Protein backbone atom coordinates (compact mmCIF):
# COMPACT_ATOMS: atom_id res chain seq x y z
CA MET A 1 -56.04 -107.37 -6.03
CA PRO A 2 -56.82 -104.63 -8.41
CA PRO A 3 -53.63 -102.67 -9.66
CA GLY A 4 -52.70 -99.78 -7.56
CA GLU A 5 -54.73 -101.10 -4.42
CA SER A 6 -52.94 -101.05 -1.16
CA LEU A 7 -53.17 -103.80 1.41
CA GLU A 8 -53.39 -102.72 4.96
CA LEU A 9 -52.05 -105.24 7.66
CA PHE A 10 -52.89 -104.69 11.23
CA PRO A 11 -50.44 -106.28 13.53
CA GLY A 12 -51.64 -107.18 17.13
CA GLU A 13 -49.91 -106.41 20.34
CA PRO A 14 -46.01 -106.71 20.60
CA ARG A 15 -44.87 -110.23 20.89
CA PRO A 16 -43.81 -111.69 24.20
CA GLY A 17 -39.94 -110.62 24.77
CA ALA A 18 -40.52 -107.56 22.61
CA ALA A 19 -39.17 -104.29 23.98
CA ALA A 20 -41.42 -101.60 25.00
CA PRO A 21 -42.15 -98.86 22.45
CA GLY A 22 -39.57 -96.37 22.41
CA ALA A 23 -36.69 -98.77 23.17
CA PRO A 24 -33.58 -98.97 21.10
CA LEU A 25 -34.00 -100.85 17.81
CA ALA A 26 -31.39 -103.27 18.87
CA ASP A 27 -33.05 -104.12 22.09
CA ARG A 28 -36.17 -105.55 20.11
CA VAL A 29 -36.83 -109.17 19.28
CA ARG A 30 -37.17 -109.65 15.61
CA PRO A 31 -38.61 -112.59 13.69
CA ARG A 32 -36.07 -114.65 11.75
CA SER A 33 -38.07 -115.67 8.67
CA LEU A 34 -41.12 -114.89 6.65
CA ASP A 35 -42.89 -118.09 7.87
CA GLU A 36 -42.29 -116.97 11.52
CA VAL A 37 -43.69 -113.55 10.87
CA ILE A 38 -46.84 -114.85 9.12
CA GLY A 39 -47.04 -117.83 11.56
CA GLN A 40 -47.18 -115.52 14.67
CA GLY A 41 -50.82 -114.68 13.72
CA HIS A 42 -50.12 -110.93 14.36
CA LEU A 43 -50.44 -109.93 10.73
CA VAL A 44 -54.18 -110.19 9.29
CA ALA A 45 -54.74 -109.59 5.47
CA PRO A 46 -58.45 -108.99 5.24
CA GLY A 47 -59.87 -110.93 2.17
CA ALA A 48 -56.97 -112.76 1.20
CA PRO A 49 -54.15 -115.05 2.54
CA LEU A 50 -51.04 -112.93 2.88
CA ARG A 51 -48.51 -115.74 1.44
CA ALA A 52 -50.93 -116.25 -1.54
CA LEU A 53 -50.67 -112.51 -2.33
CA ILE A 54 -46.95 -112.39 -1.97
CA GLU A 55 -46.26 -115.49 -4.16
CA ALA A 56 -48.81 -114.28 -6.67
CA GLY A 57 -46.94 -111.06 -7.01
CA GLU A 58 -50.12 -109.03 -6.53
CA LEU A 59 -49.13 -106.66 -3.97
CA PRO A 60 -48.42 -103.27 -5.47
CA SER A 61 -47.93 -101.84 -1.98
CA LEU A 62 -48.09 -102.82 1.75
CA ILE A 63 -48.74 -100.53 4.54
CA PHE A 64 -48.01 -101.86 8.07
CA TRP A 65 -49.36 -100.32 11.08
CA GLY A 66 -48.52 -101.11 14.56
CA PRO A 67 -46.44 -100.49 17.77
CA PRO A 68 -42.51 -101.18 17.57
CA GLY A 69 -41.53 -104.70 18.10
CA THR A 70 -44.27 -106.43 15.75
CA GLY A 71 -41.98 -107.38 13.07
CA LYS A 72 -43.01 -104.88 10.32
CA THR A 73 -39.47 -103.74 9.26
CA THR A 74 -38.28 -107.37 9.36
CA LEU A 75 -41.13 -108.43 7.19
CA ALA A 76 -40.30 -105.69 4.55
CA ARG A 77 -36.70 -106.88 4.41
CA LEU A 78 -37.95 -110.51 4.07
CA LEU A 79 -40.30 -109.57 1.27
CA ALA A 80 -37.45 -107.76 -0.54
CA ALA A 81 -35.26 -110.86 -0.37
CA GLN A 82 -37.70 -113.15 -2.00
CA PRO A 83 -36.82 -114.74 -5.36
CA ASP A 84 -38.00 -112.64 -8.25
CA SER A 85 -39.23 -109.93 -5.89
CA ARG A 86 -41.19 -107.30 -7.52
CA PHE A 87 -40.53 -104.85 -4.78
CA VAL A 88 -37.73 -102.39 -5.24
CA GLY A 89 -38.13 -99.82 -2.45
CA LEU A 90 -38.86 -100.28 1.11
CA SER A 91 -39.28 -97.43 3.64
CA ALA A 92 -39.86 -97.71 7.41
CA VAL A 93 -41.40 -94.54 8.53
CA ALA A 94 -42.33 -93.53 12.02
CA VAL A 95 -45.92 -92.37 12.16
CA GLY A 96 -46.37 -91.00 15.71
CA LEU A 97 -44.40 -92.02 18.69
CA LYS A 98 -45.90 -95.67 19.04
CA GLU A 99 -46.35 -96.51 15.25
CA VAL A 100 -44.14 -97.50 12.40
CA ARG A 101 -45.26 -97.66 8.83
CA VAL A 102 -43.42 -99.70 6.26
CA VAL A 103 -44.36 -99.20 2.66
CA VAL A 104 -43.22 -101.51 -0.21
CA GLU A 105 -43.32 -99.95 -3.36
CA GLU A 106 -43.77 -101.61 -6.62
CA ALA A 107 -41.00 -101.66 -9.26
CA ARG A 108 -41.12 -98.71 -11.56
CA GLY A 109 -40.98 -99.18 -15.39
CA ALA A 110 -37.82 -97.12 -15.70
CA LEU A 111 -36.02 -99.87 -13.43
CA ARG A 112 -34.38 -102.91 -14.99
CA VAL A 113 -36.49 -106.10 -14.56
CA GLY A 114 -35.32 -108.07 -11.78
CA GLN A 115 -33.39 -105.07 -10.13
CA ARG A 116 -34.05 -104.82 -6.28
CA THR A 117 -33.10 -101.77 -4.59
CA VAL A 118 -33.91 -101.80 -0.81
CA PHE A 119 -34.02 -98.36 0.71
CA PHE A 120 -34.88 -98.19 4.54
CA LEU A 121 -35.82 -95.00 6.35
CA ASP A 122 -35.47 -96.21 9.75
CA GLU A 123 -33.54 -93.15 10.50
CA ILE A 124 -36.81 -91.18 10.45
CA HIS A 125 -37.99 -93.07 13.50
CA ARG A 126 -34.67 -92.36 15.17
CA PHE A 127 -34.95 -88.75 14.18
CA ASN A 128 -38.59 -88.67 15.86
CA ARG A 129 -36.93 -90.10 19.06
CA ALA A 130 -34.32 -87.52 18.96
CA GLN A 131 -36.75 -84.96 18.58
CA GLN A 132 -38.77 -86.29 21.74
CA ASP A 133 -35.64 -86.64 23.76
CA ALA A 134 -34.71 -82.94 22.87
CA LEU A 135 -38.05 -81.86 24.71
CA LEU A 136 -37.29 -83.72 27.91
CA PRO A 137 -34.35 -81.42 29.14
CA HIS A 138 -36.20 -78.43 27.66
CA VAL A 139 -33.72 -78.09 24.90
CA GLU A 140 -36.76 -77.46 22.61
CA ALA A 141 -40.36 -76.57 23.60
CA GLY A 142 -41.90 -78.39 20.86
CA THR A 143 -41.53 -79.50 17.21
CA VAL A 144 -43.51 -80.09 14.14
CA THR A 145 -41.86 -82.35 11.68
CA LEU A 146 -42.88 -82.89 7.99
CA ILE A 147 -41.40 -85.42 5.58
CA ALA A 148 -42.51 -85.94 2.02
CA ARG A 149 -41.57 -88.15 -0.65
CA ASN A 150 -42.49 -88.35 -4.39
CA GLY A 151 -45.04 -85.53 -3.77
CA LYS A 152 -46.90 -87.08 -0.75
CA VAL A 153 -46.47 -86.53 2.93
CA VAL A 154 -45.23 -89.78 4.61
CA PHE A 155 -44.46 -88.27 7.99
CA LEU A 156 -46.09 -85.35 10.01
CA GLU A 157 -45.59 -85.38 13.67
CA SER A 158 -46.26 -82.69 16.22
CA GLN A 159 -44.48 -83.04 19.77
CA GLY A 160 -44.29 -80.97 22.93
CA HIS A 161 -45.82 -77.70 23.35
CA ARG A 162 -46.97 -74.69 21.32
CA GLN A 163 -46.33 -72.60 24.46
CA VAL A 164 -45.03 -74.35 27.65
CA GLU A 165 -46.33 -71.70 29.98
CA THR A 166 -49.97 -72.15 29.05
CA GLY A 167 -49.75 -75.99 28.59
CA ASP A 168 -50.94 -75.44 25.01
CA ALA A 169 -49.88 -78.70 23.05
CA MET A 170 -47.96 -78.35 19.59
CA THR A 171 -50.38 -79.32 16.67
CA ASP A 172 -49.80 -80.30 13.19
CA ASP A 173 -51.26 -76.91 12.13
CA THR A 174 -49.24 -74.77 14.43
CA ILE A 175 -48.27 -71.43 12.79
CA PHE A 176 -44.57 -70.44 13.11
CA TYR A 177 -42.86 -67.11 12.45
CA ILE A 178 -40.42 -68.49 9.84
CA MET A 179 -37.80 -65.47 9.87
CA SER A 180 -35.25 -66.11 6.96
CA MET A 181 -37.32 -68.95 5.42
CA THR A 182 -39.25 -65.72 4.21
CA LYS A 183 -36.35 -65.22 1.74
CA PRO A 184 -36.82 -68.21 -0.78
CA ILE A 185 -40.54 -67.21 -1.20
CA VAL A 186 -39.72 -63.48 -1.89
CA SER A 187 -36.91 -64.57 -4.02
CA VAL A 188 -39.41 -66.62 -6.14
CA ALA A 189 -41.67 -63.65 -6.43
CA LEU A 190 -38.94 -61.73 -8.09
CA MET A 191 -38.08 -64.59 -10.44
CA MET A 192 -41.79 -64.67 -11.61
CA LEU A 193 -41.31 -61.13 -12.93
CA TYR A 194 -37.95 -62.16 -14.38
CA GLU A 195 -40.03 -64.72 -16.42
CA GLU A 196 -42.33 -61.95 -17.64
CA GLY A 197 -39.33 -60.11 -19.21
CA HIS A 198 -39.05 -57.29 -16.89
CA PHE A 199 -35.38 -57.64 -16.33
CA LEU A 200 -32.19 -59.81 -16.77
CA LEU A 201 -30.13 -61.17 -14.01
CA ASP A 202 -27.25 -59.00 -14.78
CA ASP A 203 -29.07 -55.88 -15.22
CA PRO A 204 -28.39 -53.03 -12.52
CA ILE A 205 -31.26 -52.60 -9.89
CA LYS A 206 -30.83 -48.84 -9.96
CA LYS A 207 -33.12 -48.68 -12.91
CA TRP A 208 -35.93 -49.55 -10.43
CA ILE A 209 -34.41 -48.22 -7.32
CA PRO A 210 -32.44 -45.21 -8.37
CA GLU A 211 -31.88 -44.04 -4.77
CA ILE A 212 -28.98 -46.31 -4.61
CA ALA A 213 -27.16 -45.01 -7.61
CA GLY A 214 -23.50 -43.73 -6.83
CA LYS A 215 -22.60 -46.09 -4.12
CA GLN A 216 -19.26 -45.78 -2.14
CA VAL A 217 -17.43 -48.95 -1.20
CA ILE A 218 -15.46 -49.63 1.88
CA VAL A 219 -11.72 -50.85 0.90
CA LYS A 220 -8.76 -51.36 3.03
CA THR A 221 -5.52 -49.71 1.66
CA ASP A 222 -1.98 -49.18 2.71
CA ASN A 223 -3.38 -45.89 4.11
CA GLY A 224 -5.89 -47.79 6.17
CA ILE A 225 -9.71 -47.98 5.52
CA GLU A 226 -10.92 -45.72 2.83
CA ARG A 227 -14.06 -45.36 0.65
CA VAL A 228 -13.98 -45.51 -3.11
CA SER A 229 -16.55 -45.42 -5.85
CA ALA A 230 -18.11 -48.79 -6.74
CA SER A 231 -16.52 -50.26 -9.82
CA ARG A 232 -19.85 -51.92 -10.94
CA SER A 233 -23.43 -51.58 -10.32
CA ILE A 234 -25.58 -53.77 -7.97
CA THR A 235 -27.48 -56.42 -10.20
CA PHE A 236 -30.43 -58.59 -9.70
CA ARG A 237 -28.17 -61.59 -9.45
CA HIS A 238 -26.23 -59.76 -6.71
CA VAL A 239 -29.25 -59.17 -4.38
CA LEU A 240 -30.70 -62.61 -5.04
CA SER A 241 -27.42 -64.46 -4.31
CA HIS A 242 -26.17 -62.34 -1.17
CA THR A 243 -23.07 -60.95 -3.14
CA ALA A 244 -24.22 -57.23 -3.28
CA GLY A 245 -22.23 -56.09 -0.17
CA VAL A 246 -25.24 -53.91 1.09
CA ASP A 247 -24.35 -54.49 4.94
CA PRO A 248 -21.48 -52.64 6.07
CA PRO A 249 -20.13 -53.24 9.42
CA ARG A 250 -21.24 -50.87 12.13
CA VAL A 251 -17.70 -50.25 13.22
CA ARG A 252 -16.91 -48.60 9.81
CA LEU A 253 -19.93 -46.32 9.89
CA SER A 254 -20.05 -42.93 11.57
CA GLU A 255 -22.50 -42.31 14.42
CA GLU A 256 -24.59 -40.42 11.99
CA GLU A 257 -24.58 -43.28 9.47
CA ARG A 258 -25.41 -45.89 12.27
CA GLY A 259 -28.63 -43.96 13.01
CA LEU A 260 -29.75 -44.76 9.35
CA LEU A 261 -29.80 -48.31 10.23
CA ASP A 262 -33.18 -47.97 12.43
CA ARG A 263 -36.13 -49.42 10.69
CA SER A 264 -38.83 -47.08 9.33
CA ASP A 265 -42.63 -47.79 9.03
CA THR A 266 -42.25 -49.38 5.56
CA LEU A 267 -39.71 -51.43 3.84
CA ALA A 268 -39.24 -48.77 1.04
CA ALA A 269 -38.66 -45.88 3.47
CA THR A 270 -36.07 -48.02 5.37
CA LEU A 271 -34.03 -48.80 2.31
CA ILE A 272 -34.22 -45.27 0.95
CA LYS A 273 -33.05 -43.93 4.30
CA ARG A 274 -30.00 -46.33 4.19
CA ALA A 275 -29.16 -45.40 0.51
CA PRO A 276 -26.30 -43.13 1.52
CA LEU A 277 -24.50 -46.04 3.42
CA PRO A 278 -21.48 -47.44 1.75
CA LEU A 279 -21.10 -50.99 0.60
CA ASN A 280 -19.05 -53.50 2.36
CA PHE A 281 -17.28 -54.62 -0.82
CA GLN A 282 -17.41 -54.25 -4.49
CA PRO A 283 -20.62 -56.04 -5.84
CA GLY A 284 -20.03 -59.62 -6.70
CA ASP A 285 -16.54 -59.85 -5.13
CA ARG A 286 -17.86 -61.74 -1.88
CA TRP A 287 -20.54 -63.60 -0.52
CA GLN A 288 -22.21 -61.94 2.59
CA TYR A 289 -25.48 -63.16 4.24
CA GLY A 290 -27.62 -60.28 5.18
CA SER A 291 -30.34 -57.99 4.22
CA SER A 292 -30.02 -57.95 0.28
CA THR A 293 -33.27 -59.95 0.17
CA ASP A 294 -35.10 -56.82 1.35
CA TYR A 295 -33.90 -55.22 -1.87
CA VAL A 296 -35.43 -58.26 -3.54
CA ALA A 297 -38.69 -57.40 -1.93
CA LEU A 298 -38.64 -53.70 -2.77
CA LEU A 299 -37.91 -54.71 -6.50
CA VAL A 300 -41.05 -56.90 -6.46
CA GLU A 301 -43.08 -53.91 -5.30
CA ARG A 302 -41.70 -51.41 -7.76
CA ILE A 303 -41.71 -53.59 -10.68
CA SER A 304 -45.28 -55.02 -10.07
CA GLY A 305 -46.76 -51.90 -8.78
CA GLU A 306 -48.23 -53.90 -5.75
CA SER A 307 -47.39 -54.13 -2.17
CA LEU A 308 -45.34 -57.27 -1.58
CA ASP A 309 -48.02 -58.60 0.82
CA GLU A 310 -50.64 -58.60 -2.10
CA PHE A 311 -48.32 -59.93 -4.69
CA LEU A 312 -47.62 -62.92 -2.61
CA ARG A 313 -51.09 -63.58 -1.67
CA GLN A 314 -52.56 -63.11 -5.12
CA ARG A 315 -49.76 -64.76 -7.21
CA ILE A 316 -48.43 -67.37 -4.92
CA PHE A 317 -50.39 -68.19 -1.69
CA ILE A 318 -53.94 -68.32 -3.15
CA PRO A 319 -52.97 -70.32 -6.17
CA LEU A 320 -51.07 -72.87 -4.07
CA GLY A 321 -53.56 -73.13 -1.25
CA MET A 322 -51.36 -71.69 1.41
CA GLU A 323 -54.18 -70.51 3.61
CA ASP A 324 -52.01 -70.14 6.75
CA THR A 325 -49.30 -67.94 5.39
CA PHE A 326 -49.01 -64.19 5.85
CA TYR A 327 -47.35 -61.13 7.25
CA HIS A 328 -50.05 -60.41 9.51
CA VAL A 329 -51.81 -63.23 11.56
CA PRO A 330 -55.63 -62.74 11.65
CA GLN A 331 -56.89 -62.57 15.32
CA ALA A 332 -58.92 -65.80 14.76
CA LYS A 333 -55.60 -67.73 14.16
CA VAL A 334 -53.44 -66.33 16.81
CA ASP A 335 -54.15 -69.09 19.16
CA ARG A 336 -52.29 -71.41 16.70
CA VAL A 337 -49.11 -69.27 16.69
CA ALA A 338 -46.04 -70.98 18.48
CA ALA A 339 -44.31 -69.09 21.12
CA VAL A 340 -40.68 -68.32 20.49
CA TYR A 341 -37.92 -69.54 22.89
CA GLN A 342 -34.29 -68.81 23.42
CA PRO A 343 -31.40 -70.54 25.29
CA VAL A 344 -31.00 -69.88 28.88
CA ARG A 345 -27.72 -67.99 29.23
CA ALA A 346 -26.66 -70.07 32.21
CA ASP A 347 -27.56 -73.25 30.79
CA ASP A 348 -27.49 -73.88 26.91
CA ASN A 349 -29.41 -77.25 27.40
CA LYS A 350 -32.48 -75.11 28.42
CA VAL A 351 -34.84 -72.56 26.89
CA GLU A 352 -36.85 -69.63 28.08
CA LEU A 353 -39.63 -67.70 26.58
CA TYR A 354 -38.54 -64.93 24.30
CA ARG A 355 -41.84 -64.02 22.61
CA ALA A 356 -45.36 -65.10 23.46
CA PRO A 357 -48.02 -65.19 20.80
CA GLU A 358 -50.39 -62.18 20.77
CA TYR A 359 -52.50 -60.47 18.42
CA ARG A 360 -50.43 -57.70 16.64
CA GLU A 361 -51.89 -54.75 14.72
CA PRO A 362 -51.56 -55.07 10.95
CA THR A 363 -48.10 -54.06 9.50
CA LYS A 364 -47.22 -51.98 6.66
CA TYR A 365 -43.52 -53.38 6.56
CA PHE A 366 -43.35 -56.25 4.31
CA GLY A 367 -39.74 -57.48 4.69
CA GLY A 368 -37.79 -59.75 2.40
CA THR A 369 -35.42 -60.90 4.91
CA ALA A 370 -37.94 -62.12 7.41
CA GLY A 371 -41.63 -61.33 8.47
CA LEU A 372 -43.81 -64.37 7.14
CA TYR A 373 -45.78 -66.83 9.42
CA CYS A 374 -46.46 -70.09 7.90
CA THR A 375 -47.36 -73.70 8.79
CA ALA A 376 -45.31 -76.78 7.96
CA ALA A 377 -48.07 -77.83 5.56
CA ASP A 378 -48.12 -74.71 3.69
CA TYR A 379 -44.28 -74.39 3.38
CA PHE A 380 -44.31 -77.97 1.99
CA ARG A 381 -47.01 -76.93 -0.59
CA PHE A 382 -44.61 -74.18 -1.78
CA HIS A 383 -41.52 -76.32 -1.99
CA GLN A 384 -43.35 -79.22 -3.55
CA MET A 385 -44.21 -76.69 -6.35
CA MET A 386 -40.48 -76.15 -6.73
CA LEU A 387 -39.74 -79.80 -6.56
CA ASN A 388 -42.44 -80.10 -9.36
CA GLY A 389 -40.56 -77.83 -11.44
CA GLY A 390 -42.86 -74.79 -10.89
CA SER A 391 -46.37 -76.06 -10.48
CA LEU A 392 -48.79 -77.69 -8.03
CA GLY A 393 -51.83 -79.12 -9.10
CA ASP A 394 -53.58 -76.73 -11.59
CA ALA A 395 -51.24 -73.88 -10.38
CA ARG A 396 -48.17 -72.91 -12.44
CA ILE A 397 -46.09 -70.40 -10.54
CA LEU A 398 -42.84 -70.83 -12.51
CA GLY A 399 -41.27 -72.43 -15.60
CA THR A 400 -39.22 -75.41 -15.15
CA LYS A 401 -36.17 -73.67 -16.58
CA THR A 402 -36.53 -70.73 -14.27
CA VAL A 403 -36.73 -73.28 -11.22
CA ASP A 404 -33.66 -74.83 -12.51
CA LEU A 405 -32.06 -71.41 -12.67
CA ILE A 406 -32.98 -70.61 -9.26
CA ILE A 407 -31.71 -73.73 -7.62
CA SER A 408 -28.46 -73.64 -9.45
CA ASN A 409 -25.13 -72.39 -7.80
CA HIS A 410 -24.42 -68.80 -8.59
CA ILE A 411 -21.22 -68.13 -6.76
CA GLU A 412 -17.69 -69.32 -7.06
CA PRO A 413 -16.40 -71.80 -4.49
CA GLU A 414 -13.92 -69.29 -3.02
CA LEU A 415 -16.74 -66.91 -2.30
CA SER A 416 -18.78 -69.45 -0.14
CA ALA A 417 -18.85 -68.96 3.60
CA TYR A 418 -19.67 -72.75 3.96
CA GLU A 419 -17.40 -75.50 2.67
CA GLY A 420 -19.45 -77.74 0.40
CA TYR A 421 -22.09 -75.29 -0.28
CA GLY A 422 -22.91 -72.54 -2.91
CA PHE A 423 -25.72 -70.23 -3.18
CA GLY A 424 -28.39 -69.97 -5.76
CA LEU A 425 -31.34 -67.20 -6.03
CA GLY A 426 -32.55 -67.39 -2.64
CA TYR A 427 -31.29 -70.88 -1.66
CA SER A 428 -28.17 -72.73 -0.27
CA ILE A 429 -27.06 -75.20 -2.70
CA LEU A 430 -25.15 -78.26 -1.59
CA THR A 431 -22.22 -78.48 -4.10
CA ASP A 432 -19.86 -81.07 -2.53
CA ALA A 433 -21.35 -83.86 -0.37
CA GLY A 434 -17.76 -85.09 0.84
CA LYS A 435 -17.17 -81.34 2.44
CA ALA A 436 -20.83 -80.50 3.43
CA VAL A 437 -21.92 -81.13 6.93
CA GLU A 438 -25.29 -82.59 5.88
CA PRO A 439 -25.58 -86.13 4.36
CA LEU A 440 -27.31 -84.83 1.39
CA THR A 441 -27.32 -85.35 -2.38
CA PRO A 442 -25.33 -82.66 -4.43
CA GLY A 443 -27.92 -80.27 -5.80
CA SER A 444 -29.96 -80.36 -2.60
CA PHE A 445 -31.22 -76.93 -1.86
CA GLY A 446 -32.65 -75.35 1.44
CA TRP A 447 -32.40 -72.75 4.21
CA GLY A 448 -33.50 -72.02 7.79
CA GLY A 449 -34.97 -69.48 10.03
CA ALA A 450 -33.26 -68.12 13.07
CA TRP A 451 -36.11 -68.92 15.31
CA GLY A 452 -35.90 -72.65 14.77
CA THR A 453 -37.39 -73.61 11.33
CA TYR A 454 -35.43 -75.37 8.70
CA PHE A 455 -36.03 -77.06 5.46
């Protein structure tokens, strides 16, 4: 076979005795040897005998399609165990509820000759089943799951309903209100201006937002709760890493001050109105998740001279081909927006409608903490750019060193609210795999949205 060509093998129906699709993996009948798999006649290699290709080492990759129980994963394991195997990576990836794809990757030049590393992603199939099971008791109305590896989407699955009440099925191109997953995008926008030399991370933001100069800070003393002058200015690093203290507890505010928390028509008007409010702590002394990314958004607008909406569209969304990401969903695309559900108070295992999709008039409020709508595919494109070191295709959004700066931890361990995690410039950073709740590699970065989105 020509180098780089893939061979697709199409198994037939499940073998006699094989469990039904969706049954636990342990309940399925598995072949015991490579001869047994090939001899079953379920695997057909168009144009060339499978065994000859294997023995000649001419398979740069294999793709197996078919229902569970046809021996795809077992075949992959057996191939990896062959003497002098050239295959170093195996992935068993669920494609749909009834199909499993096994990809056997050719050895990369950087790996030692003869080295064999077998990596199975059977857990993706189990994860897919778990997602489906969550739909049955109505814990979730519907899901869209996207998994990419080495820059390519290997799994994209939609399940359940976009809106249960109307019977509209969830689709791969469903548009979600991503809430706090807006924050990383807005943070990247500000770091683009950092690259242009407009500021340093430890510069005070009062140069661009003078309304917040002269802040008071809430402190606890022997005399009770008092307010003192801020010992240092709020910096760009503070608002990007949630260490600015801009969210004082409501109980520490007067009735008049609490009235300043109401949102105005624009983000700038809202933050200027809140300027007299005290800080919850001295900038940099603590980590507090909250609205500091709204200040990031306002900084983008004031430094660039553009609205945040326009800046994101022209500088990020259009270059990256993110055609379904916006603050205002066009009327022609409203039928693709997912409804929002919330837990039923009397039964946490069920959800009820919270917000139905509907056309909303264009907004002038472009928030940094939340506000964007997006599809799974668009969000993948944005973060593939980050994984690529700031570029995607012909589009260069950030320099590699700036991406590294963004996804580095910027807070001390004692400041973190989550054991095993730090925080970068818009992202959570896993710092200690032994203490983190997620089984991820140190340096992994991500975040989520309050309405059920996560990356």
